[in-house]
Amino acid sequence: MKILKEKKIKDKIIQVVRGDITKEEVDAIVNAANKYLSHGGGVAGAIVRAGGRIIQEESNEIVEKNGPLNTGDAVITTAGNLPSKYVIHTVGPVWGEGDEERKLKKAILSVLRLATEKKLESISIPAVSCGIFGFPKKKGTKIIYETVKEFLKNEETDLKVVRLIGIGEEIPTLFSQAMD
């Protein structure tokens, strides 16, 4: 895990990190999920492989009880064998479905509100919707950063550290550019 850039917002810090989200030692990591919370590919698949079946089992229970999630929703499960305490699953928009920018902002706000409700102090957020959901990466990382910044500036929250994370070169670079 490598911190590439940080920005202070009041007494809080937004960090851009290059690393594996499944190894993050934070209160919660964020999973870019689908509405059925079936965690097969991408970040979702990696999280369940690293954290164990309990994450998928708890996800299945949520969907059985409440039905599929809507775009922009967020729910929380335990983190199984992961170093984080929780996984917050959010459903970002699929590019091309319409109103994607507002929906991505809503998904990130849902994550931050749920983290606040649970009194979490640290969270790692990947580039939600920017993988197989096809959201343009530069635009998506900018929206995620701006949404986090505005939330930390304007809302009462216990969050002290928000990490924006990507595993390769591209996403952390784009998150860094979004901070400029």
Foldseek 3Di string as FASTA:
>chain_A
DDFDDWDDQPQAIETEDAAQQLADQFQEEEAAAAQQRPQPDDNSNVQCVSQHCQSVVVSNVVCVVPNTHDQLAWDKDARHNGNHGIYIYHHAAQPPPPPRLVSLLSNLVNVQVVCQVVQTAEYEYELHCVPPSPDPLLSSLLSNLVSVSVCSNPHDGNHRYYYYYDHDDPNSVSNVVSVD
